[in-house]
Amino acid sequence: MTIADVLRRKGAEIETTAPAASLTDAIAQLGARRIGALPVMSDDGVVGMFSERDVIFALRDHGPDVLSWSVERIMTSPVVTVGPDHDVLAALGLMTDRRIRHLPVCDGGQLVGIVSIGDLVKHRLERIEAEAAAMRSYIQSA
């Protein structure tokens, strides 16, 4: 099972933001799309991740004035990425070790998708259920 398998089922629609975007605009984008993070893109590709956690920590540390700041002031950088051929279980391990919930997927330096820990767990559970159903069917037919 690879990240490409997950993206095929999930779809590769990607919402992004720019480093100079205001936090207010980026937060509105998160809320409108009901998502937890946005890859931050520049001409050089993915330069960071902006997440709801970044907002919470910035508000805790600096107060409501952060809402006028740009995304680049609080984004997580450098960003951890994976390729489409990356193994799902390895990606889950990476996310657990790094304590991150979103992974941009890059191929040849181009952003081709993003997966969340929820996407990977869902994909893994569906595979386990399919394998269990196939095993039950095999046992019942024997």
N, C-alpha and C. Protein backbone atom coordinates (compact mmCIF):
# COMPACT_ATOMS: atom_id res chain seq x y z
N MET A 1 0.84 -1.18 0.00
CA MET A 1 0.00 0.00 0.00
C MET A 1 0.88 1.24 0.00
N THR A 2 0.63 2.09 -0.96
CA THR A 2 1.43 3.32 -1.06
C THR A 2 0.53 4.55 -0.91
N ILE A 3 1.18 5.67 -0.75
CA ILE A 3 0.47 6.95 -0.67
C ILE A 3 -0.32 7.19 -1.96
N ALA A 4 0.21 6.75 -3.09
CA ALA A 4 -0.51 6.89 -4.37
C ALA A 4 -1.86 6.18 -4.31
N ASP A 5 -1.92 5.01 -3.66
CA ASP A 5 -3.19 4.28 -3.51
C ASP A 5 -4.19 5.13 -2.72
N VAL A 6 -3.73 5.77 -1.68
CA VAL A 6 -4.60 6.62 -0.85
C VAL A 6 -5.10 7.80 -1.68
N LEU A 7 -4.21 8.44 -2.42
CA LEU A 7 -4.61 9.60 -3.22
C LEU A 7 -5.60 9.22 -4.32
N ARG A 8 -5.45 8.03 -4.89
CA ARG A 8 -6.39 7.58 -5.92
C ARG A 8 -7.81 7.50 -5.37
N ARG A 9 -7.95 7.02 -4.15
CA ARG A 9 -9.28 6.90 -3.53
C ARG A 9 -9.78 8.23 -2.98
N LYS A 10 -8.87 8.99 -2.40
CA LYS A 10 -9.23 10.25 -1.77
C LYS A 10 -9.44 11.36 -2.79
N GLY A 11 -8.63 11.33 -3.83
CA GLY A 11 -8.60 12.44 -4.77
C GLY A 11 -7.40 13.32 -4.45
N ALA A 12 -6.98 14.07 -5.41
CA ALA A 12 -5.75 14.86 -5.24
C ALA A 12 -6.03 16.36 -5.17
N GLU A 13 -7.27 16.73 -4.82
CA GLU A 13 -7.56 18.15 -4.70
C GLU A 13 -6.74 18.74 -3.55
N ILE A 14 -6.12 19.88 -3.83
CA ILE A 14 -5.22 20.48 -2.84
C ILE A 14 -5.56 21.94 -2.65
N GLU A 15 -5.77 22.33 -1.43
CA GLU A 15 -5.90 23.73 -1.06
C GLU A 15 -4.53 24.18 -0.57
N THR A 16 -4.08 25.34 -0.99
CA THR A 16 -2.79 25.87 -0.55
C THR A 16 -2.95 27.32 -0.14
N THR A 17 -1.90 27.85 0.46
CA THR A 17 -1.85 29.27 0.77
C THR A 17 -0.45 29.77 0.46
N ALA A 18 -0.29 31.07 0.48
CA ALA A 18 1.00 31.71 0.19
C ALA A 18 1.63 32.19 1.49
N PRO A 19 2.94 32.29 1.52
CA PRO A 19 3.62 32.77 2.74
C PRO A 19 3.13 34.15 3.19
N ALA A 20 2.79 35.01 2.24
CA ALA A 20 2.39 36.37 2.58
C ALA A 20 0.91 36.50 2.93
N ALA A 21 0.14 35.42 2.80
CA ALA A 21 -1.28 35.48 3.14
C ALA A 21 -1.46 35.84 4.61
N SER A 22 -2.52 36.55 4.92
CA SER A 22 -2.77 36.89 6.32
C SER A 22 -3.31 35.68 7.05
N LEU A 23 -3.06 35.62 8.34
CA LEU A 23 -3.61 34.54 9.15
C LEU A 23 -5.13 34.53 9.08
N THR A 24 -5.73 35.71 9.09
CA THR A 24 -7.19 35.79 9.02
C THR A 24 -7.71 35.11 7.76
N ASP A 25 -7.07 35.37 6.62
CA ASP A 25 -7.50 34.75 5.36
C ASP A 25 -7.27 33.24 5.37
N ALA A 26 -6.11 32.82 5.88
CA ALA A 26 -5.79 31.39 5.91
C ALA A 26 -6.73 30.65 6.87
N ILE A 27 -7.06 31.25 7.99
CA ILE A 27 -8.00 30.64 8.94
C ILE A 27 -9.38 30.52 8.29
N ALA A 28 -9.79 31.56 7.57
CA ALA A 28 -11.08 31.50 6.87
C ALA A 28 -11.09 30.37 5.84
N GLN A 29 -9.97 30.17 5.18
CA GLN A 29 -9.85 29.09 4.19
C GLN A 29 -9.96 27.73 4.87
N LEU A 30 -9.28 27.55 6.01
CA LEU A 30 -9.39 26.30 6.76
C LEU A 30 -10.85 26.04 7.14
N GLY A 31 -11.51 27.06 7.66
CA GLY A 31 -12.89 26.91 8.10
C GLY A 31 -13.85 26.63 6.95
N ALA A 32 -13.68 27.35 5.86
CA ALA A 32 -14.58 27.17 4.72
C ALA A 32 -14.46 25.77 4.12
N ARG A 33 -13.26 25.24 4.11
CA ARG A 33 -13.03 23.91 3.53
C ARG A 33 -13.13 22.79 4.57
N ARG A 34 -13.24 23.17 5.84
CA ARG A 34 -13.32 22.20 6.95
C ARG A 34 -12.11 21.26 6.94
N ILE A 35 -10.94 21.89 6.86
CA ILE A 35 -9.68 21.15 6.86
C ILE A 35 -8.80 21.67 7.98
N GLY A 36 -7.75 20.91 8.30
CA GLY A 36 -6.90 21.27 9.43
C GLY A 36 -5.57 21.88 9.08
N ALA A 37 -5.20 21.86 7.79
CA ALA A 37 -3.88 22.39 7.43
C ALA A 37 -3.83 22.75 5.95
N LEU A 38 -2.90 23.64 5.64
CA LEU A 38 -2.66 24.08 4.26
C LEU A 38 -1.17 24.04 3.97
N PRO A 39 -0.76 23.44 2.86
CA PRO A 39 0.63 23.60 2.43
C PRO A 39 0.86 25.07 2.05
N VAL A 40 2.01 25.58 2.42
CA VAL A 40 2.37 26.95 2.09
C VAL A 40 3.30 26.89 0.88
N MET A 41 2.86 27.52 -0.21
CA MET A 41 3.56 27.40 -1.49
C MET A 41 4.22 28.71 -1.89
N SER A 42 5.43 28.57 -2.44
CA SER A 42 6.11 29.69 -3.09
C SER A 42 6.62 29.17 -4.43
N ASP A 43 7.35 29.99 -5.14
CA ASP A 43 7.92 29.56 -6.42
C ASP A 43 8.86 28.37 -6.25
N ASP A 44 9.40 28.21 -5.05
CA ASP A 44 10.32 27.10 -4.76
C ASP A 44 9.59 25.82 -4.37
N GLY A 45 8.28 25.82 -4.38
CA GLY A 45 7.51 24.64 -3.99
C GLY A 45 6.93 24.80 -2.60
N VAL A 46 6.81 23.68 -1.90
CA VAL A 46 6.24 23.70 -0.55
C VAL A 46 7.30 24.22 0.42
N VAL A 47 7.01 25.33 1.07
CA VAL A 47 7.98 25.94 1.99
C VAL A 47 7.57 25.81 3.44
N GLY A 48 6.35 25.30 3.67
CA GLY A 48 5.90 25.13 5.05
C GLY A 48 4.51 24.54 5.09
N MET A 49 4.04 24.31 6.30
CA MET A 49 2.67 23.87 6.54
C MET A 49 2.06 24.85 7.54
N PHE A 50 0.82 25.22 7.27
CA PHE A 50 0.07 26.09 8.16
C PHE A 50 -1.10 25.27 8.70
N SER A 51 -1.16 25.12 10.02
CA SER A 51 -2.20 24.29 10.61
C SER A 51 -2.92 25.01 11.74
N GLU A 52 -4.04 24.42 12.11
CA GLU A 52 -4.80 24.96 13.22
C GLU A 52 -3.96 24.99 14.50
N ARG A 53 -3.06 24.03 14.64
CA ARG A 53 -2.16 24.01 15.81
C ARG A 53 -1.26 25.23 15.82
N ASP A 54 -0.76 25.62 14.64
CA ASP A 54 0.09 26.81 14.56
C ASP A 54 -0.66 28.04 15.06
N VAL A 55 -1.93 28.14 14.71
CA VAL A 55 -2.75 29.27 15.13
C VAL A 55 -2.92 29.26 16.65
N ILE A 56 -3.24 28.10 17.20
CA ILE A 56 -3.45 27.99 18.64
C ILE A 56 -2.20 28.39 19.41
N PHE A 57 -1.04 27.87 18.99
CA PHE A 57 0.21 28.19 19.69
C PHE A 57 0.55 29.68 19.56
N ALA A 58 0.31 30.25 18.38
CA ALA A 58 0.60 31.68 18.19
C ALA A 58 -0.32 32.54 19.06
N LEU A 59 -1.60 32.18 19.11
CA LEU A 59 -2.53 32.93 19.96
C LEU A 59 -2.14 32.80 21.43
N ARG A 60 -1.76 31.60 21.84
CA ARG A 60 -1.36 31.39 23.23
C ARG A 60 -0.13 32.24 23.58
N ASP A 61 0.83 32.26 22.67
CA ASP A 61 2.10 32.93 22.96
C ASP A 61 2.08 34.45 22.73
N HIS A 62 1.24 34.93 21.80
CA HIS A 62 1.32 36.34 21.39
C HIS A 62 -0.01 37.08 21.43
N GLY A 63 -1.10 36.40 21.69
CA GLY A 63 -2.39 37.06 21.77
C GLY A 63 -3.03 37.30 20.41
N PRO A 64 -4.17 37.98 20.41
CA PRO A 64 -4.97 38.14 19.19
C PRO A 64 -4.32 39.00 18.12
N ASP A 65 -3.27 39.74 18.44
CA ASP A 65 -2.59 40.55 17.43
C ASP A 65 -2.02 39.70 16.30
N VAL A 66 -1.82 38.39 16.56
CA VAL A 66 -1.25 37.52 15.52
C VAL A 66 -2.16 37.43 14.30
N LEU A 67 -3.43 37.72 14.46
CA LEU A 67 -4.35 37.58 13.34
C LEU A 67 -4.02 38.52 12.18
N SER A 68 -3.24 39.54 12.46
CA SER A 68 -2.82 40.45 11.39
C SER A 68 -1.47 40.02 10.77
N TRP A 69 -0.85 39.01 11.33
CA TRP A 69 0.44 38.53 10.83
C TRP A 69 0.25 37.76 9.53
N SER A 70 1.39 37.52 8.87
CA SER A 70 1.38 36.67 7.67
C SER A 70 1.59 35.21 8.08
N VAL A 71 1.15 34.32 7.21
CA VAL A 71 1.29 32.89 7.45
C VAL A 71 2.74 32.50 7.70
N GLU A 72 3.67 33.09 6.95
CA GLU A 72 5.07 32.68 7.08
C GLU A 72 5.64 32.93 8.47
N ARG A 73 5.03 33.81 9.25
CA ARG A 73 5.53 34.09 10.61
C ARG A 73 5.26 32.95 11.57
N ILE A 74 4.24 32.12 11.28
CA ILE A 74 3.92 31.05 12.23
C ILE A 74 3.90 29.66 11.62
N MET A 75 4.08 29.56 10.30
CA MET A 75 4.00 28.24 9.66
C MET A 75 5.09 27.32 10.18
N THR A 76 4.86 26.03 10.06
CA THR A 76 5.86 25.04 10.42
C THR A 76 6.77 24.82 9.22
N SER A 77 8.06 25.02 9.45
CA SER A 77 9.05 24.89 8.38
C SER A 77 10.37 24.50 9.02
N PRO A 78 11.16 23.64 8.40
CA PRO A 78 10.94 23.03 7.10
C PRO A 78 9.83 21.99 7.17
N VAL A 79 9.24 21.73 6.02
CA VAL A 79 8.10 20.83 5.93
C VAL A 79 8.57 19.41 5.65
N VAL A 80 7.89 18.44 6.25
CA VAL A 80 8.16 17.03 5.99
C VAL A 80 7.24 16.61 4.85
N THR A 81 7.80 16.01 3.80
CA THR A 81 7.01 15.54 2.67
C THR A 81 7.31 14.07 2.40
N VAL A 82 6.42 13.45 1.63
CA VAL A 82 6.64 12.08 1.16
C VAL A 82 6.34 12.05 -0.33
N GLY A 83 6.80 10.99 -0.98
CA GLY A 83 6.49 10.78 -2.38
C GLY A 83 5.32 9.84 -2.54
N PRO A 84 4.76 9.76 -3.75
CA PRO A 84 3.61 8.88 -3.98
C PRO A 84 3.93 7.41 -3.74
N ASP A 85 5.19 7.01 -3.90
CA ASP A 85 5.57 5.61 -3.71
C ASP A 85 5.86 5.25 -2.26
N HIS A 86 5.74 6.21 -1.36
CA HIS A 86 6.02 5.98 0.06
C HIS A 86 4.98 5.00 0.62
N ASP A 87 5.44 4.06 1.41
CA ASP A 87 4.57 3.06 2.03
C ASP A 87 3.67 3.71 3.08
N VAL A 88 2.40 3.30 3.11
CA VAL A 88 1.43 3.88 4.04
C VAL A 88 1.85 3.66 5.50
N LEU A 89 2.28 2.44 5.84
CA LEU A 89 2.69 2.18 7.23
C LEU A 89 3.91 3.00 7.61
N ALA A 90 4.84 3.17 6.67
CA ALA A 90 6.02 4.01 6.94
C ALA A 90 5.59 5.47 7.14
N ALA A 91 4.62 5.92 6.36
CA ALA A 91 4.13 7.29 6.51
C ALA A 91 3.44 7.47 7.86
N LEU A 92 2.66 6.47 8.28
CA LEU A 92 2.04 6.54 9.60
C LEU A 92 3.10 6.62 10.70
N GLY A 93 4.16 5.83 10.56
CA GLY A 93 5.25 5.88 11.53
C GLY A 93 5.93 7.24 11.55
N LEU A 94 6.16 7.80 10.38
CA LEU A 94 6.78 9.13 10.26
C LEU A 94 5.91 10.18 10.95
N MET A 95 4.62 10.12 10.70
CA MET A 95 3.71 11.10 11.30
C MET A 95 3.67 10.95 12.82
N THR A 96 3.70 9.73 13.30
CA THR A 96 3.71 9.49 14.74
C THR A 96 5.00 9.99 15.36
N ASP A 97 6.13 9.66 14.75
CA ASP A 97 7.43 10.09 15.27
C ASP A 97 7.58 11.60 15.28
N ARG A 98 7.12 12.26 14.22
CA ARG A 98 7.27 13.71 14.09
C ARG A 98 6.12 14.49 14.73
N ARG A 99 5.09 13.77 15.19
CA ARG A 99 3.92 14.39 15.81
C ARG A 99 3.25 15.39 14.87
N ILE A 100 3.04 14.93 13.63
CA ILE A 100 2.36 15.75 12.63
C ILE A 100 1.13 15.01 12.14
N ARG A 101 0.17 15.75 11.63
CA ARG A 101 -1.08 15.13 11.20
C ARG A 101 -1.34 15.27 9.71
N HIS A 102 -0.48 15.99 8.99
CA HIS A 102 -0.67 16.21 7.56
C HIS A 102 0.66 16.09 6.84
N LEU A 103 0.65 15.39 5.72
CA LEU A 103 1.85 15.20 4.90
C LEU A 103 1.60 15.64 3.47
N PRO A 104 2.31 16.65 3.02
CA PRO A 104 2.25 16.97 1.59
C PRO A 104 2.94 15.85 0.80
N VAL A 105 2.38 15.55 -0.36
CA VAL A 105 2.93 14.51 -1.23
C VAL A 105 3.53 15.21 -2.44
N CYS A 106 4.83 15.03 -2.63
CA CYS A 106 5.54 15.68 -3.73
C CYS A 106 6.14 14.64 -4.66
N ASP A 107 6.11 14.95 -5.94
CA ASP A 107 6.69 14.08 -6.97
C ASP A 107 7.50 14.96 -7.89
N GLY A 108 8.80 14.74 -7.91
CA GLY A 108 9.67 15.56 -8.75
C GLY A 108 9.64 17.03 -8.36
N GLY A 109 9.48 17.31 -7.07
CA GLY A 109 9.45 18.69 -6.60
C GLY A 109 8.09 19.36 -6.73
N GLN A 110 7.11 18.68 -7.31
CA GLN A 110 5.77 19.23 -7.49
C GLN A 110 4.82 18.66 -6.44
N LEU A 111 4.00 19.51 -5.86
CA LEU A 111 2.98 19.07 -4.92
C LEU A 111 1.88 18.36 -5.70
N VAL A 112 1.62 17.09 -5.35
CA VAL A 112 0.61 16.30 -6.07
C VAL A 112 -0.56 15.89 -5.18
N GLY A 113 -0.47 16.16 -3.89
CA GLY A 113 -1.55 15.80 -2.98
C GLY A 113 -1.15 16.07 -1.54
N ILE A 114 -2.08 15.79 -0.66
CA ILE A 114 -1.81 15.89 0.77
C ILE A 114 -2.63 14.79 1.45
N VAL A 115 -2.03 14.14 2.43
CA VAL A 115 -2.74 13.12 3.19
C VAL A 115 -2.69 13.46 4.67
N SER A 116 -3.78 13.14 5.34
CA SER A 116 -3.83 13.33 6.79
C SER A 116 -3.67 11.98 7.46
N ILE A 117 -3.40 12.01 8.74
CA ILE A 117 -3.29 10.76 9.47
C ILE A 117 -4.64 10.02 9.42
N GLY A 118 -5.74 10.76 9.41
CA GLY A 118 -7.05 10.15 9.28
C GLY A 118 -7.24 9.43 7.95
N ASP A 119 -6.73 10.03 6.86
CA ASP A 119 -6.79 9.39 5.54
C ASP A 119 -6.06 8.06 5.56
N LEU A 120 -4.88 8.05 6.18
CA LEU A 120 -4.06 6.83 6.19
C LEU A 120 -4.67 5.75 7.07
N VAL A 121 -5.20 6.14 8.22
CA VAL A 121 -5.83 5.16 9.10
C VAL A 121 -7.07 4.59 8.42
N LYS A 122 -7.88 5.44 7.79
CA LYS A 122 -9.07 4.96 7.08
C LYS A 122 -8.68 3.97 5.99
N HIS A 123 -7.67 4.30 5.21
CA HIS A 123 -7.22 3.42 4.13
C HIS A 123 -6.75 2.07 4.70
N ARG A 124 -5.99 2.13 5.77
CA ARG A 124 -5.48 0.91 6.40
C ARG A 124 -6.62 0.05 6.94
N LEU A 125 -7.59 0.65 7.60
CA LEU A 125 -8.73 -0.10 8.13
C LEU A 125 -9.55 -0.74 7.01
N GLU A 126 -9.74 -0.02 5.91
CA GLU A 126 -10.47 -0.59 4.78
C GLU A 126 -9.74 -1.80 4.22
N ARG A 127 -8.42 -1.73 4.15
CA ARG A 127 -7.64 -2.87 3.66
C ARG A 127 -7.75 -4.05 4.61
N ILE A 128 -7.67 -3.80 5.90
CA ILE A 128 -7.77 -4.87 6.89
C ILE A 128 -9.15 -5.53 6.80
N GLU A 129 -10.20 -4.72 6.68
CA GLU A 129 -11.56 -5.26 6.56
C GLU A 129 -11.70 -6.10 5.30
N ALA A 130 -11.14 -5.65 4.19
CA ALA A 130 -11.22 -6.40 2.93
C ALA A 130 -10.48 -7.73 3.05
N GLU A 131 -9.32 -7.72 3.68
CA GLU A 131 -8.56 -8.96 3.88
C GLU A 131 -9.32 -9.92 4.79
N ALA A 132 -9.94 -9.40 5.84
CA ALA A 132 -10.70 -10.25 6.76
C ALA A 132 -11.92 -10.86 6.05
N ALA A 133 -12.59 -10.07 5.22
CA ALA A 133 -13.75 -10.58 4.48
C ALA A 133 -13.31 -11.67 3.49
N ALA A 134 -12.19 -11.46 2.84
CA ALA A 134 -11.69 -12.47 1.90
C ALA A 134 -11.32 -13.75 2.65
N MET A 135 -10.73 -13.62 3.82
CA MET A 135 -10.37 -14.79 4.61
C MET A 135 -11.62 -15.55 5.08
N ARG A 136 -12.65 -14.80 5.54
CA ARG A 136 -13.91 -15.44 5.96
C ARG A 136 -14.54 -16.18 4.79
N SER A 137 -14.54 -15.57 3.64
CA SER A 137 -15.11 -16.19 2.44
C SER A 137 -14.34 -17.47 2.09
N TYR A 138 -13.04 -17.41 2.16
CA TYR A 138 -12.21 -18.58 1.85
C TYR A 138 -12.49 -19.72 2.83
N ILE A 139 -12.58 -19.39 4.12
CA ILE A 139 -12.82 -20.40 5.14
C ILE A 139 -14.20 -21.03 4.98
N GLN A 140 -15.18 -20.20 4.68
CA GLN A 140 -16.55 -20.70 4.53
C GLN A 140 -16.71 -21.59 3.29
N SER A 141 -15.90 -21.34 2.25
CA SER A 141 -16.02 -22.14 1.03
C SER A 141 -15.20 -23.42 1.11
N ALA A 142 -14.36 -23.54 2.10
CA ALA A 142 -13.51 -24.74 2.21
C ALA A 142 -14.23 -25.90 2.84
